[in-house]
Protein backbone atom coordinates (compact mmCIF):
# COMPACT_ATOMS: atom_id res chain seq x y z
CA MET A 1 26.77 -19.81 4.28
CA SER A 2 27.00 -21.18 7.84
CA ALA A 3 26.89 -17.68 9.35
CA LEU A 4 23.86 -16.89 7.22
CA ALA A 5 22.13 -20.06 8.33
CA ARG A 6 22.74 -19.24 12.00
CA ALA A 7 21.30 -15.76 11.54
CA MET A 8 18.04 -17.05 10.11
CA SER A 9 15.21 -18.85 11.86
CA LYS A 10 13.89 -21.94 10.14
CA PHE A 11 10.67 -21.56 8.22
CA ARG A 12 8.73 -23.10 5.35
CA LEU A 13 8.35 -21.16 2.11
CA ALA A 14 5.63 -22.05 -0.40
CA VAL A 15 5.83 -20.98 -4.05
CA VAL A 16 2.51 -21.05 -5.91
CA GLN A 17 2.72 -21.66 -9.66
CA LEU A 18 -0.80 -20.63 -10.64
CA HIS A 19 -2.67 -21.39 -13.84
CA VAL A 20 -3.86 -17.93 -14.90
CA THR A 21 -6.92 -17.50 -17.14
CA ASN A 22 -8.69 -14.47 -18.61
CA VAL A 23 -11.36 -14.65 -15.88
CA LYS A 24 -10.16 -12.57 -12.94
CA ALA A 25 -12.61 -14.05 -10.44
CA ASP A 26 -11.38 -17.57 -11.23
CA ASN A 27 -7.76 -16.50 -10.82
CA LEU A 28 -8.49 -14.97 -7.43
CA SER A 29 -10.46 -17.96 -6.15
CA ARG A 30 -7.82 -20.43 -7.34
CA ALA A 31 -5.05 -18.38 -5.76
CA ARG A 32 -6.97 -18.21 -2.49
CA ARG A 33 -7.44 -21.98 -2.47
CA LEU A 34 -3.74 -22.64 -3.11
CA ILE A 35 -2.70 -20.16 -0.40
CA GLN A 36 -4.88 -22.12 2.01
CA GLU A 37 -3.35 -25.37 0.78
CA ALA A 38 0.14 -24.00 1.33
CA ALA A 39 -0.68 -22.84 4.84
CA GLY A 40 -2.15 -26.26 5.58
CA GLN A 41 1.25 -27.74 4.74
CA GLY A 42 2.91 -25.56 7.37
CA SER A 43 4.08 -22.67 5.22
CA GLN A 44 4.72 -19.35 6.96
CA VAL A 45 5.66 -17.39 3.83
CA VAL A 46 3.73 -17.79 0.55
CA LEU A 47 4.78 -16.41 -2.83
CA LEU A 48 2.41 -15.92 -5.81
CA PRO A 49 3.41 -15.38 -9.47
CA GLU A 50 3.67 -12.23 -11.56
CA CYS A 51 0.32 -11.09 -12.97
CA PHE A 52 -1.54 -13.74 -10.99
CA ASN A 53 -4.94 -12.07 -11.51
CA SER A 54 -4.55 -11.23 -15.19
CA PRO A 55 -3.21 -12.62 -18.44
CA TYR A 56 0.26 -11.21 -19.10
CA GLY A 57 0.27 -8.75 -22.00
CA THR A 58 0.22 -5.05 -22.75
CA SER A 59 -3.31 -5.31 -24.14
CA PHE A 60 -4.53 -6.86 -20.87
CA PHE A 61 -2.93 -4.48 -18.37
CA PRO A 62 -5.40 -1.58 -18.85
CA GLU A 63 -8.42 -3.91 -18.75
CA TYR A 64 -7.40 -5.76 -15.59
CA ALA A 65 -5.76 -2.88 -13.72
CA GLU A 66 -7.10 -1.98 -10.27
CA ARG A 67 -6.64 0.74 -7.76
CA ILE A 68 -5.25 -0.31 -4.40
CA PRO A 69 -7.19 -1.19 -2.32
CA GLY A 70 -9.29 -3.11 -4.81
CA GLU A 71 -10.71 -6.54 -5.51
CA SER A 72 -7.40 -8.38 -5.72
CA SER A 73 -5.68 -6.62 -2.83
CA ARG A 74 -8.70 -7.29 -0.58
CA MET A 75 -8.50 -11.00 -1.40
CA LEU A 76 -4.78 -11.03 -0.60
CA SER A 77 -5.31 -9.27 2.71
CA GLU A 78 -8.08 -11.66 3.71
CA ALA A 79 -6.11 -14.75 2.65
CA ALA A 80 -3.02 -13.64 4.60
CA LYS A 81 -5.12 -13.04 7.72
CA GLU A 82 -7.21 -16.21 7.41
CA ASN A 83 -4.13 -18.39 6.98
CA LYS A 84 -1.76 -16.43 9.27
CA VAL A 85 0.99 -16.20 6.63
CA TYR A 86 3.29 -13.58 5.18
CA LEU A 87 1.87 -13.31 1.67
CA VAL A 88 3.91 -11.99 -1.24
CA GLY A 89 1.06 -11.32 -3.62
CA GLY A 90 2.85 -11.92 -6.92
CA SER A 91 1.95 -8.88 -8.96
CA ILE A 92 -1.11 -7.21 -10.39
CA PRO A 93 -1.62 -4.39 -12.88
CA GLU A 94 -2.16 -1.29 -10.73
CA GLU A 95 -3.80 1.98 -11.80
CA ASP A 96 -2.81 5.11 -9.94
CA GLY A 97 -3.11 8.71 -11.05
CA GLY A 98 -3.72 7.82 -14.66
CA LYS A 99 -0.64 5.59 -14.84
CA LEU A 100 -0.32 1.80 -14.84
CA TYR A 101 2.24 -0.15 -12.83
CA ASN A 102 3.20 -3.79 -12.37
CA SER A 103 2.92 -3.98 -8.58
CA CYS A 104 3.64 -6.55 -5.89
CA LEU A 105 1.78 -6.29 -2.58
CA VAL A 106 3.02 -7.96 0.60
CA PHE A 107 0.66 -8.64 3.50
CA SER A 108 1.40 -9.62 7.09
CA PRO A 109 -0.30 -12.51 8.94
CA ASP A 110 -2.77 -9.99 10.38
CA GLY A 111 -3.78 -8.90 6.87
CA GLU A 112 -2.00 -5.53 6.94
CA LEU A 113 -0.30 -4.20 3.81
CA MET A 114 3.44 -4.20 4.55
CA LEU A 115 4.75 -2.87 1.25
CA LYS A 116 4.03 -2.24 -2.41
CA HIS A 117 6.84 -2.86 -4.91
CA ARG A 118 6.40 -1.39 -8.37
CA LYS A 119 8.47 -3.17 -11.02
CA ILE A 120 11.52 -0.99 -11.60
CA HIS A 121 12.94 -2.46 -14.81
CA LEU A 122 10.24 -2.75 -17.46
CA PHE A 123 10.41 -5.74 -19.79
CA ASP A 124 11.29 -4.33 -23.20
CA ILE A 125 12.81 -7.02 -25.38
CA ASP A 126 13.22 -7.76 -29.07
CA VAL A 127 14.84 -11.07 -29.98
CA PRO A 128 14.61 -11.20 -33.80
CA GLY A 129 12.58 -14.13 -35.02
CA LYS A 130 11.59 -15.20 -31.51
CA ILE A 131 9.87 -12.61 -29.29
CA ARG A 132 9.14 -8.91 -29.04
CA PHE A 133 7.51 -7.47 -25.93
CA GLN A 134 7.37 -3.87 -24.72
CA GLU A 135 5.96 -3.34 -21.22
CA SER A 136 6.76 0.35 -21.51
CA GLU A 137 4.02 0.71 -24.13
CA THR A 138 1.50 0.72 -21.27
CA LEU A 139 3.34 0.55 -17.93
CA SER A 140 5.32 3.09 -15.92
CA PRO A 141 8.34 2.04 -13.83
CA GLY A 142 8.70 2.05 -10.07
CA SER A 143 11.71 3.69 -8.47
CA SER A 144 12.25 2.31 -4.98
CA LEU A 145 13.73 -0.63 -3.09
CA SER A 146 11.19 -2.81 -1.27
CA MET A 147 12.07 -4.84 1.82
CA PHE A 148 10.10 -6.31 4.69
CA GLU A 149 10.93 -7.95 8.00
CA THR A 150 9.67 -11.31 9.23
CA PRO A 151 10.56 -13.22 12.42
CA PHE A 152 12.60 -15.52 10.15
CA CYS A 153 14.65 -13.14 7.99
CA LYS A 154 14.57 -9.88 6.06
CA VAL A 155 13.18 -10.17 2.53
CA GLY A 156 13.86 -8.12 -0.61
CA VAL A 157 11.31 -7.93 -3.43
CA GLY A 158 11.75 -7.64 -7.19
CA ILE A 159 9.56 -8.50 -10.17
CA CYS A 160 10.72 -10.61 -13.13
CA TYR A 161 12.98 -8.38 -15.28
CA ASP A 162 14.30 -6.77 -12.08
CA MET A 163 16.22 -10.03 -11.59
CA ARG A 164 18.43 -9.32 -14.62
CA PHE A 165 19.97 -6.28 -12.93
CA ALA A 166 22.67 -7.30 -10.46
CA GLU A 167 22.71 -4.01 -8.53
CA LEU A 168 19.26 -4.56 -6.98
CA PRO A 169 20.12 -7.80 -5.13
CA GLN A 170 23.50 -6.31 -4.16
CA LEU A 171 21.71 -3.43 -2.47
CA TYR A 172 19.25 -5.78 -0.78
CA SER A 173 22.10 -7.96 0.51
CA GLN A 174 23.96 -4.92 1.83
CA LYS A 175 20.81 -3.91 3.68
CA GLY A 176 20.58 -7.29 5.40
CA CYS A 177 18.16 -9.24 3.23
CA GLN A 178 18.67 -13.00 3.35
CA LEU A 179 15.85 -14.00 1.00
CA LEU A 180 15.04 -12.38 -2.35
CA VAL A 181 11.65 -13.06 -3.96
CA TYR A 182 10.89 -12.47 -7.63
CA PRO A 183 7.41 -13.10 -9.01
CA GLY A 184 8.23 -13.51 -12.69
CA ALA A 185 6.95 -14.67 -16.06
CA PHE A 186 9.88 -15.57 -18.27
CA ASN A 187 8.83 -16.97 -21.65
CA MET A 188 9.72 -19.91 -23.87
CA THR A 189 12.75 -18.04 -25.29
CA THR A 190 14.24 -16.42 -22.17
CA GLY A 191 13.10 -19.12 -19.73
CA PRO A 192 15.22 -22.05 -20.86
CA ALA A 193 18.17 -19.72 -21.49
CA HIS A 194 18.33 -17.60 -18.33
CA TRP A 195 15.60 -18.31 -15.72
CA GLU A 196 17.53 -20.73 -13.51
CA LEU A 197 20.93 -19.26 -14.43
CA LEU A 198 20.00 -15.81 -13.13
CA GLN A 199 18.55 -17.14 -9.89
CA ARG A 200 21.61 -19.23 -9.11
CA GLY A 201 23.92 -16.34 -9.98
CA ARG A 202 22.06 -13.87 -7.77
CA ALA A 203 22.04 -16.38 -4.91
CA VAL A 204 25.77 -17.15 -5.08
CA ASP A 205 26.91 -13.57 -5.72
CA ASN A 206 25.04 -12.22 -2.71
CA GLN A 207 24.96 -15.31 -0.46
CA VAL A 208 21.16 -15.22 -0.18
CA TYR A 209 18.21 -17.48 -0.89
CA VAL A 210 16.35 -16.67 -4.09
CA ALA A 211 12.74 -17.71 -4.81
CA THR A 212 10.80 -17.18 -8.03
CA ALA A 213 7.13 -17.74 -8.79
CA SER A 214 5.98 -18.10 -12.40
CA PRO A 215 2.50 -18.59 -13.78
CA ALA A 216 1.92 -22.15 -14.96
CA ARG A 217 2.51 -22.71 -18.66
CA ASP A 218 -0.52 -22.31 -20.92
CA GLU A 219 0.33 -23.15 -24.52
CA ALA A 220 -2.91 -21.50 -25.69
CA ALA A 221 -2.10 -18.11 -24.13
CA SER A 222 -0.87 -15.16 -26.16
CA TYR A 223 2.20 -15.05 -23.88
CA VAL A 224 3.43 -18.51 -22.88
CA ALA A 225 5.16 -18.55 -19.48
CA TRP A 226 8.10 -20.88 -18.90
CA GLY A 227 6.94 -22.03 -15.46
CA HIS A 228 9.56 -23.86 -13.36
CA SER A 229 9.11 -21.77 -10.21
CA THR A 230 12.26 -22.29 -8.17
CA VAL A 231 14.00 -21.85 -4.82
CA VAL A 232 17.81 -21.61 -4.74
CA ASN A 233 20.05 -21.63 -1.67
CA PRO A 234 23.15 -19.42 -1.12
CA TRP A 235 25.38 -22.19 -2.46
CA GLY A 236 23.57 -21.92 -5.78
CA GLU A 237 21.79 -25.25 -5.37
CA VAL A 238 18.19 -25.63 -6.57
CA ILE A 239 16.39 -26.93 -3.49
CA SER A 240 12.85 -26.85 -4.90
CA LYS A 241 11.48 -26.57 -8.42
CA ALA A 242 8.13 -26.92 -10.18
CA GLY A 243 7.52 -28.30 -13.63
CA SER A 244 5.40 -26.42 -16.15
CA GLU A 245 1.96 -27.20 -14.71
CA GLU A 246 0.04 -25.62 -11.82
CA ALA A 247 1.67 -26.63 -8.54
CA VAL A 248 2.74 -25.54 -5.08
CA VAL A 249 6.37 -26.26 -4.25
CA TYR A 250 7.92 -25.99 -0.80
CA ALA A 251 11.31 -25.21 0.65
CA ASP A 252 12.31 -25.55 4.28
CA ILE A 253 14.77 -22.74 4.79
């Protein structure tokens, strides 16, 4: 861990746990305000949650999907540039060539698109008596690793269910990533069971920092997110964690 710490430059990471509604314009304006708030607290890297512009659900993905560039990606670009931050834009439903993807966009402090990560491992789950969800009913998978460089460290990107597959962070670690970011929306079944456990395991196994951003919990939503956005250090310690409500949490790394 000491060698890792020496190799990194200190920076402040902000994780935005956003309350997501069914009104896209409200989601975008709220996200923009919280990005500004995070930057005002000295953050240089800001992480948004999975599906930050849209309710999470297979019935919502086609309705809220956008081409890139589009309304949501333009907001992200502008917010990154206005606040001079590296912005990991959670994820949005993306439409491209007649297919839908769950895509994370990363923007530099000058507002340029640095990468687009399409969720590789689609969330298909059936826990009898508790939850059934099939992302593959509407979404197509991505197929590539996604990494970007900052002056502070190299960052690897995954989305939610990607975190369950140990090979992805192993590859990122081998390629020099020191921080892994996972916008994610675990639910009230998988969240209490595995959300923190997986993050701490990935951090310790690969000697990296791991940060996750969840939507805030909304008990009235059709899909109830667990919340508890978290940052874990390479020793497996939770160094920052949100509750279930909308919040911005910070970690000085």
